[in-house]
Amino acid sequence: MDFFQKNRNTTQESDEDLTGRYLATKDLELLGILYQRYIYLVYGVCLKYFKDREESKDAVMQIFEKLITEIEKHAVGNFRPWLYVMTKHYCLRQLQKKASASKKIKQFYEEKIMESTIDLSPLDEVPEKDMNKALGECIEKLKKEQKACIELFYLKEKCYREVSHELGIPLNKVKSCIQNGKRNLKICLENKNG
């Protein structure tokens, strides 16, 4: 079935008449006729914002569902411009949601993945059989805050913010403790490997 199949129930009634009849009867067929008149407009607006045909087709269906509730909330005097604005706002909200989700994923990646895995060289430079013993001894030699930050960050896999919250110290201090702790661990492990 073609996505833009023409509605067989074509009518010469004005948009205002169809809107009024729909509001009086709640007959979805009337709203469908009205919507079918402007489906290309809605699709075009969606395509302009999403730049993807399938996503735009999905949006057209979502907007029709939204239309059912929104038309009852607003005094729609001129259907076509009102539908255009509703479609535009729908698209902008969806793009905002995507941007927000993308930002959260990026932030999670930077905090949890990048910050906790980059530069693990102090741990990688010790032969595996001696790693736990040497690492444990070197961690014990760290200053109190460095030790706590390193243990929470690497061993318990907490992000900077979680370490900061748990230890009650500022984020910048956590980063500094981890950097200095890594440097001190590297020096200690290099000395043990001698």
Protein backbone atom coordinates (compact mmCIF):
# COMPACT_ATOMS: atom_id res chain seq x y z
CA MET A 1 0.00 0.00 0.00
CA ASP A 2 1.35 3.40 -0.98
CA PHE A 3 2.17 5.61 1.99
CA PHE A 4 0.54 8.63 0.35
CA GLN A 5 -2.50 6.78 -0.97
CA LYS A 6 -5.29 9.19 -1.73
CA ASN A 7 -8.32 9.00 0.54
CA ARG A 8 -11.31 7.71 -1.42
CA ASN A 9 -13.68 9.83 0.63
CA THR A 10 -12.84 13.09 -1.07
CA THR A 11 -15.18 15.94 -0.33
CA GLN A 12 -15.55 19.53 -1.34
CA GLU A 13 -16.19 20.64 2.23
CA SER A 14 -13.94 23.40 3.53
CA ASP A 15 -11.28 22.74 6.17
CA GLU A 16 -13.37 24.71 8.66
CA ASP A 17 -16.50 22.63 7.96
CA LEU A 18 -14.60 19.37 8.36
CA THR A 19 -12.93 20.62 11.55
CA GLY A 20 -16.29 21.70 12.98
CA ARG A 21 -17.95 18.40 12.08
CA TYR A 22 -15.06 16.42 13.57
CA LEU A 23 -15.21 18.37 16.83
CA ALA A 24 -18.97 17.77 17.01
CA THR A 25 -18.94 14.05 16.11
CA LYS A 26 -15.36 12.84 16.87
CA ASP A 27 -15.57 10.90 13.60
CA LEU A 28 -11.95 10.08 12.77
CA GLU A 29 -12.82 9.61 9.11
CA LEU A 30 -13.54 13.35 8.89
CA LEU A 31 -10.19 14.16 10.46
CA GLY A 32 -8.56 11.65 8.11
CA ILE A 33 -10.03 13.43 5.07
CA LEU A 34 -8.77 16.74 6.40
CA TYR A 35 -5.35 15.36 7.18
CA GLN A 36 -5.08 13.63 3.80
CA ARG A 37 -5.37 17.01 2.11
CA TYR A 38 -2.16 18.15 3.76
CA ILE A 39 -0.18 14.94 4.13
CA TYR A 40 2.35 16.16 1.55
CA LEU A 41 2.79 19.40 3.47
CA VAL A 42 3.39 17.49 6.73
CA TYR A 43 5.77 15.06 5.02
CA GLY A 44 7.66 17.92 3.38
CA VAL A 45 8.13 19.76 6.67
CA CYS A 46 9.29 16.55 8.38
CA LEU A 47 11.71 15.79 5.56
CA LYS A 48 13.11 19.32 5.79
CA TYR A 49 13.95 18.80 9.49
CA PHE A 50 14.80 15.10 9.68
CA LYS A 51 16.46 14.69 6.25
CA ASP A 52 15.41 11.03 6.28
CA ARG A 53 12.45 9.57 4.36
CA GLU A 54 11.59 6.74 6.74
CA GLU A 55 11.88 8.90 9.83
CA SER A 56 9.69 11.51 8.12
CA LYS A 57 7.05 8.89 7.25
CA ASP A 58 7.01 7.74 10.87
CA ALA A 59 6.66 11.36 11.97
CA VAL A 60 3.67 11.85 9.63
CA MET A 61 1.89 9.01 11.43
CA GLN A 62 2.85 10.36 14.86
CA ILE A 63 1.62 13.81 13.94
CA PHE A 64 -1.74 12.40 12.83
CA GLU A 65 -2.10 10.70 16.22
CA LYS A 66 -1.10 13.95 17.93
CA LEU A 67 -3.58 15.85 15.78
CA ILE A 68 -6.46 13.87 17.30
CA THR A 69 -5.80 15.31 20.76
CA GLU A 70 -4.34 18.69 19.81
CA ILE A 71 -7.23 19.81 17.59
CA GLU A 72 -9.55 19.61 20.59
CA LYS A 73 -7.28 21.79 22.74
CA HIS A 74 -7.00 24.71 20.32
CA ALA A 75 -9.42 27.01 18.55
CA VAL A 76 -8.31 26.20 15.03
CA GLY A 77 -9.46 28.98 12.74
CA ASN A 78 -7.30 28.18 9.75
CA PHE A 79 -6.36 24.50 9.63
CA ARG A 80 -3.49 24.51 7.10
CA PRO A 81 -1.22 27.08 8.85
CA TRP A 82 -2.09 25.62 12.24
CA LEU A 83 -1.11 22.12 11.05
CA TYR A 84 2.12 23.50 9.58
CA VAL A 85 3.08 25.13 12.90
CA MET A 86 2.12 22.01 14.88
CA THR A 87 4.25 19.88 12.53
CA LYS A 88 7.21 22.24 12.78
CA HIS A 89 7.03 22.25 16.60
CA TYR A 90 6.76 18.45 16.65
CA CYS A 91 9.90 18.15 14.49
CA LEU A 92 11.85 20.64 16.59
CA ARG A 93 10.92 18.80 19.81
CA GLN A 94 12.03 15.49 18.32
CA LEU A 95 15.35 17.00 17.22
CA GLN A 96 15.83 18.47 20.71
CA LYS A 97 15.20 15.06 22.25
CA LYS A 98 17.72 13.48 19.90
CA ALA A 99 20.30 16.15 20.64
CA SER A 100 19.75 15.74 24.37
CA ALA A 101 20.05 11.96 24.14
CA SER A 102 23.17 12.30 21.98
CA LYS A 103 24.67 14.73 24.49
CA LYS A 104 23.95 12.33 27.37
CA ILE A 105 25.53 9.43 25.48
CA LYS A 106 28.59 11.54 24.67
CA GLN A 107 28.87 12.69 28.29
CA PHE A 108 28.56 9.10 29.54
CA TYR A 109 31.20 8.00 27.04
CA GLU A 110 33.60 10.77 28.08
CA GLU A 111 33.12 10.23 31.82
CA LYS A 112 32.69 6.52 32.14
CA ILE A 113 34.56 5.10 29.18
CA MET A 114 37.25 7.56 28.14
CA GLU A 115 38.22 8.86 31.56
CA SER A 116 38.26 5.46 33.18
CA THR A 117 40.18 3.61 30.46
CA ILE A 118 42.62 6.10 28.97
CA ASP A 119 46.16 5.94 30.14
CA LEU A 120 46.03 2.72 32.14
CA SER A 121 49.71 2.22 31.45
CA PRO A 122 50.76 1.94 35.13
CA LEU A 123 48.69 -1.23 35.39
CA ASP A 124 49.70 -2.57 31.98
CA GLU A 125 53.45 -2.32 32.53
CA VAL A 126 53.65 -4.90 35.32
CA PRO A 127 53.86 -8.59 34.34
CA GLU A 128 50.47 -10.16 34.98
CA LYS A 129 51.61 -12.66 37.65
CA ASP A 130 53.08 -9.90 39.81
CA MET A 131 50.55 -7.19 38.99
CA ASN A 132 48.16 -7.63 41.91
CA LYS A 133 50.92 -7.79 44.52
CA ALA A 134 52.96 -4.91 43.09
CA LEU A 135 49.89 -2.78 42.46
CA GLY A 136 48.56 -3.38 45.96
CA GLU A 137 51.90 -2.39 47.49
CA CYS A 138 52.13 0.76 45.33
CA ILE A 139 48.56 1.81 46.06
CA GLU A 140 49.29 1.53 49.78
CA LYS A 141 52.19 3.98 49.36
CA LEU A 142 49.97 6.69 47.82
CA LYS A 143 48.79 9.70 49.80
CA LYS A 144 45.41 9.15 51.47
CA GLU A 145 43.28 11.12 48.95
CA GLN A 146 45.18 9.77 45.93
CA LYS A 147 44.69 6.23 47.21
CA ALA A 148 40.95 6.75 47.76
CA CYS A 149 40.48 8.36 44.33
CA ILE A 150 42.48 5.66 42.50
CA GLU A 151 40.59 2.85 44.25
CA LEU A 152 37.18 4.34 43.52
CA PHE A 153 38.02 5.37 39.96
CA TYR A 154 39.88 2.30 38.70
CA LEU A 155 38.96 -0.54 40.99
CA LYS A 156 35.30 0.36 41.61
CA GLU A 157 34.94 1.97 38.15
CA LYS A 158 33.29 5.16 39.35
CA CYS A 159 33.33 8.33 37.27
CA TYR A 160 34.92 11.59 38.43
CA ARG A 161 31.61 12.98 39.66
CA GLU A 162 30.83 9.86 41.67
CA VAL A 163 34.28 9.91 43.26
CA SER A 164 33.88 13.61 44.05
CA HIS A 165 30.48 13.02 45.64
CA GLU A 166 31.56 9.96 47.61
CA LEU A 167 34.71 11.56 49.02
CA GLY A 168 33.21 15.03 49.40
CA ILE A 169 36.03 16.73 47.53
CA PRO A 170 35.82 19.05 44.49
CA LEU A 171 35.86 17.56 40.99
CA ASN A 172 39.11 19.32 40.07
CA LYS A 173 40.80 17.88 43.14
CA VAL A 174 39.59 14.38 42.19
CA LYS A 175 41.10 14.79 38.71
CA SER A 176 44.33 16.07 40.20
CA CYS A 177 44.52 13.21 42.71
CA ILE A 178 43.94 10.66 39.96
CA GLN A 179 46.56 12.22 37.67
CA ASN A 180 49.12 12.47 40.46
CA GLY A 181 48.17 9.02 41.74
CA LYS A 182 48.67 7.49 38.29
CA ARG A 183 52.04 9.19 37.95
CA ASN A 184 53.11 7.96 41.41
CA LEU A 185 51.84 4.45 40.65
CA LYS A 186 53.78 4.41 37.40
CA ILE A 187 56.98 5.49 39.16
CA CYS A 188 56.43 2.92 41.92
CA LEU A 189 55.71 0.10 39.45
CA GLU A 190 58.73 1.04 37.28
CA ASN A 191 60.92 0.91 40.39
CA LYS A 192 59.56 -2.54 41.26
CA ASN A 193 60.22 -3.79 37.73
CA GLY A 194 63.63 -2.18 38.03
